Amino acid sequence: MQIDKEISIQIRNVWQKASISLLYTSGQVYNAYEKFFKRYDLTSQQYNALRILRDFFSEPISTSVLRGQMLDKMSDTSRLVSRLHAKGYVDVSRNSGDKRLVNISVSEKGEQLLAKIDPELSELDTMLTGLTEEEANKLSELLEKARESIAVYDKR
């Protein structure tokens, strides 16, 4: 269905239509991810943090380093880490060099949860199987080009 019909909006031009389509589709993908991770009592942001800690850092890292690697560069990384710590999925310790910072790493319980989730992640890939492989590649290329355009816009 056309975006202007789906959400009842008057479209000014093709760039607005592309932006609105992107926002709307992004929301649908986000909601699907949230539904998937809810099975594990996680949000997609919590999963992303655990995945980053496990896959890219063998040593504990600070919340600022974690924030820089997140898909969503949200400002409440400390709260996210606190929730993961309360669930027992991350270990948190004071930074010996700077007492204002904490060091974060995935706990054994977090590793076990990730091992449980890993085999099921391919389920998320199926949401875009309505696209051919060629179309999925083209979409990725177009989104990269859009991000480059947005970066130029942001520098103004």
Protein backbone atom coordinates (compact mmCIF):
# COMPACT_ATOMS: atom_id res chain seq x y z
CA MET A 1 0.00 0.00 0.00
CA GLN A 2 1.20 3.53 -0.75
CA ILE A 3 2.43 5.43 2.34
CA ASP A 4 0.13 8.40 1.75
CA LYS A 5 -2.89 6.07 1.81
CA GLU A 6 -1.58 3.93 4.68
CA ILE A 7 -1.19 6.83 7.11
CA SER A 8 -3.44 9.44 5.50
CA ILE A 9 -0.91 12.14 4.80
CA GLN A 10 -0.65 14.76 2.08
CA ILE A 11 2.75 14.29 0.41
CA ARG A 12 4.58 17.50 -0.62
CA ASN A 13 7.32 15.89 -2.74
CA VAL A 14 9.27 12.69 -3.35
CA TRP A 15 11.84 13.49 -0.62
CA GLN A 16 9.14 13.88 2.01
CA LYS A 17 7.56 10.63 0.79
CA ALA A 18 10.93 8.86 1.10
CA SER A 19 11.49 10.25 4.62
CA ILE A 20 7.99 9.35 5.81
CA SER A 21 8.27 5.88 4.24
CA LEU A 22 11.61 5.35 5.96
CA LEU A 23 10.28 6.46 9.35
CA TYR A 24 7.15 4.34 9.03
CA THR A 25 9.05 1.24 7.89
CA SER A 26 11.69 1.76 10.56
CA GLY A 27 8.94 1.75 13.17
CA GLN A 28 7.58 -1.53 11.84
CA VAL A 29 11.03 -3.17 11.88
CA TYR A 30 11.66 -1.81 15.39
CA ASN A 31 8.34 -3.21 16.62
CA ALA A 32 9.13 -6.64 15.15
CA TYR A 33 12.52 -6.65 16.89
CA GLU A 34 10.92 -5.62 20.19
CA LYS A 35 8.36 -8.42 19.88
CA PHE A 36 11.13 -10.97 19.20
CA PHE A 37 13.30 -9.91 22.17
CA LYS A 38 10.34 -9.65 24.52
CA ARG A 39 10.35 -13.49 24.55
CA TYR A 40 13.63 -13.24 26.43
CA ASP A 41 12.52 -10.38 28.71
CA LEU A 42 14.83 -8.00 26.82
CA THR A 43 14.45 -4.91 24.70
CA SER A 44 16.26 -4.69 21.38
CA GLN A 45 18.59 -2.07 22.94
CA GLN A 46 19.44 -4.43 25.80
CA TYR A 47 20.19 -7.23 23.35
CA ASN A 48 22.32 -4.88 21.25
CA ALA A 49 24.36 -3.92 24.33
CA LEU A 50 24.89 -7.56 25.32
CA ARG A 51 25.86 -8.48 21.75
CA ILE A 52 28.39 -5.64 21.57
CA LEU A 53 29.92 -6.54 24.92
CA ARG A 54 30.26 -10.20 23.91
CA ASP A 55 31.29 -9.87 20.28
CA PHE A 56 33.65 -6.90 20.29
CA PHE A 57 35.18 -6.44 23.72
CA SER A 58 37.12 -9.13 25.56
CA GLU A 59 37.83 -6.65 28.37
CA PRO A 60 35.27 -4.59 30.33
CA ILE A 61 34.36 -1.23 28.78
CA SER A 62 32.79 2.03 29.96
CA THR A 63 29.23 3.16 29.25
CA SER A 64 30.54 5.86 26.91
CA VAL A 65 32.37 3.29 24.77
CA LEU A 66 29.26 1.11 24.74
CA ARG A 67 27.06 4.09 23.73
CA GLY A 68 29.38 4.82 20.82
CA GLN A 69 28.88 1.30 19.46
CA MET A 70 25.09 1.12 19.90
CA LEU A 71 22.71 1.20 16.93
CA ASP A 72 20.65 3.76 18.84
CA LYS A 73 22.99 6.41 20.27
CA MET A 74 20.64 6.99 23.19
CA SER A 75 21.68 9.07 26.17
CA ASP A 76 20.42 6.68 28.87
CA THR A 77 23.06 3.97 28.46
CA SER A 78 23.66 4.06 32.22
CA ARG A 79 20.03 3.14 32.86
CA LEU A 80 20.21 0.39 30.24
CA VAL A 81 23.30 -1.06 31.93
CA SER A 82 21.59 -0.80 35.35
CA ARG A 83 18.65 -2.83 34.07
CA LEU A 84 20.92 -5.47 32.56
CA HIS A 85 22.88 -5.61 35.82
CA ALA A 86 19.67 -6.01 37.84
CA LYS A 87 18.78 -9.00 35.63
CA GLY A 88 22.25 -10.45 36.18
CA TYR A 89 23.28 -10.20 32.51
CA VAL A 90 26.24 -7.86 32.97
CA ASP A 91 28.94 -7.41 35.57
CA VAL A 92 29.66 -3.85 36.64
CA SER A 93 32.75 -2.68 38.52
CA ARG A 94 34.34 0.66 39.33
CA ASN A 95 37.04 1.86 36.98
CA SER A 96 40.33 1.87 38.89
CA GLY A 97 41.67 4.84 36.90
CA ASP A 98 38.58 7.05 37.16
CA LYS A 99 36.16 6.46 40.02
CA ARG A 100 33.39 8.27 38.11
CA LEU A 101 33.39 5.52 35.45
CA VAL A 102 32.23 1.92 35.60
CA ASN A 103 33.49 -1.05 33.66
CA ILE A 104 30.90 -3.34 32.06
CA SER A 105 31.21 -6.89 30.77
CA VAL A 106 28.80 -9.72 29.95
CA SER A 107 28.19 -12.04 32.91
CA GLU A 108 28.00 -15.83 32.67
CA LYS A 109 24.19 -15.53 32.84
CA GLY A 110 24.30 -13.03 29.97
CA GLU A 111 26.48 -15.37 27.92
CA GLN A 112 23.98 -18.18 28.51
CA LEU A 113 21.09 -15.98 27.40
CA LEU A 114 22.92 -14.93 24.23
CA ALA A 115 23.70 -18.58 23.46
CA LYS A 116 19.96 -19.29 23.74
CA ILE A 117 19.03 -16.37 21.44
CA ASP A 118 21.73 -16.91 18.78
CA PRO A 119 20.13 -19.91 17.01
CA GLU A 120 16.84 -18.05 16.67
CA LEU A 121 18.17 -14.73 15.28
CA SER A 122 17.68 -15.84 11.68
CA GLU A 123 13.94 -15.56 12.36
CA LEU A 124 14.38 -11.77 12.24
CA ASP A 125 15.82 -12.02 8.73
CA THR A 126 12.57 -13.49 7.44
CA MET A 127 10.69 -10.23 7.82
CA LEU A 128 12.28 -8.90 4.63
CA THR A 129 12.13 -12.06 2.54
CA GLY A 130 9.51 -10.33 0.40
CA LEU A 131 12.55 -8.68 -1.20
CA THR A 132 14.85 -10.54 -3.54
CA GLU A 133 18.52 -10.73 -2.62
CA GLU A 134 19.23 -8.12 -5.30
CA GLU A 135 16.51 -5.82 -3.91
CA ALA A 136 17.83 -6.25 -0.35
CA ASN A 137 21.32 -5.27 -1.53
CA LYS A 138 19.91 -2.27 -3.41
CA LEU A 139 17.92 -1.21 -0.35
CA SER A 140 21.08 -1.36 1.77
CA GLU A 141 22.94 0.74 -0.80
CA LEU A 142 20.14 3.32 -0.91
CA LEU A 143 19.97 3.52 2.88
CA GLU A 144 23.73 4.05 3.03
CA LYS A 145 23.39 6.85 0.50
CA ALA A 146 20.55 8.34 2.60
CA ARG A 147 22.76 8.24 5.73
CA GLU A 148 25.50 10.07 3.82
CA SER A 149 22.97 12.72 2.75
CA ILE A 150 21.73 13.07 6.33
CA ALA A 151 25.33 13.50 7.57
CA VAL A 152 25.77 16.41 5.15
CA TYR A 153 22.46 17.90 6.33
CA ASP A 154 23.51 17.54 9.99
CA LYS A 155 26.74 19.48 9.37
CA ARG A 156 24.83 22.57 8.26
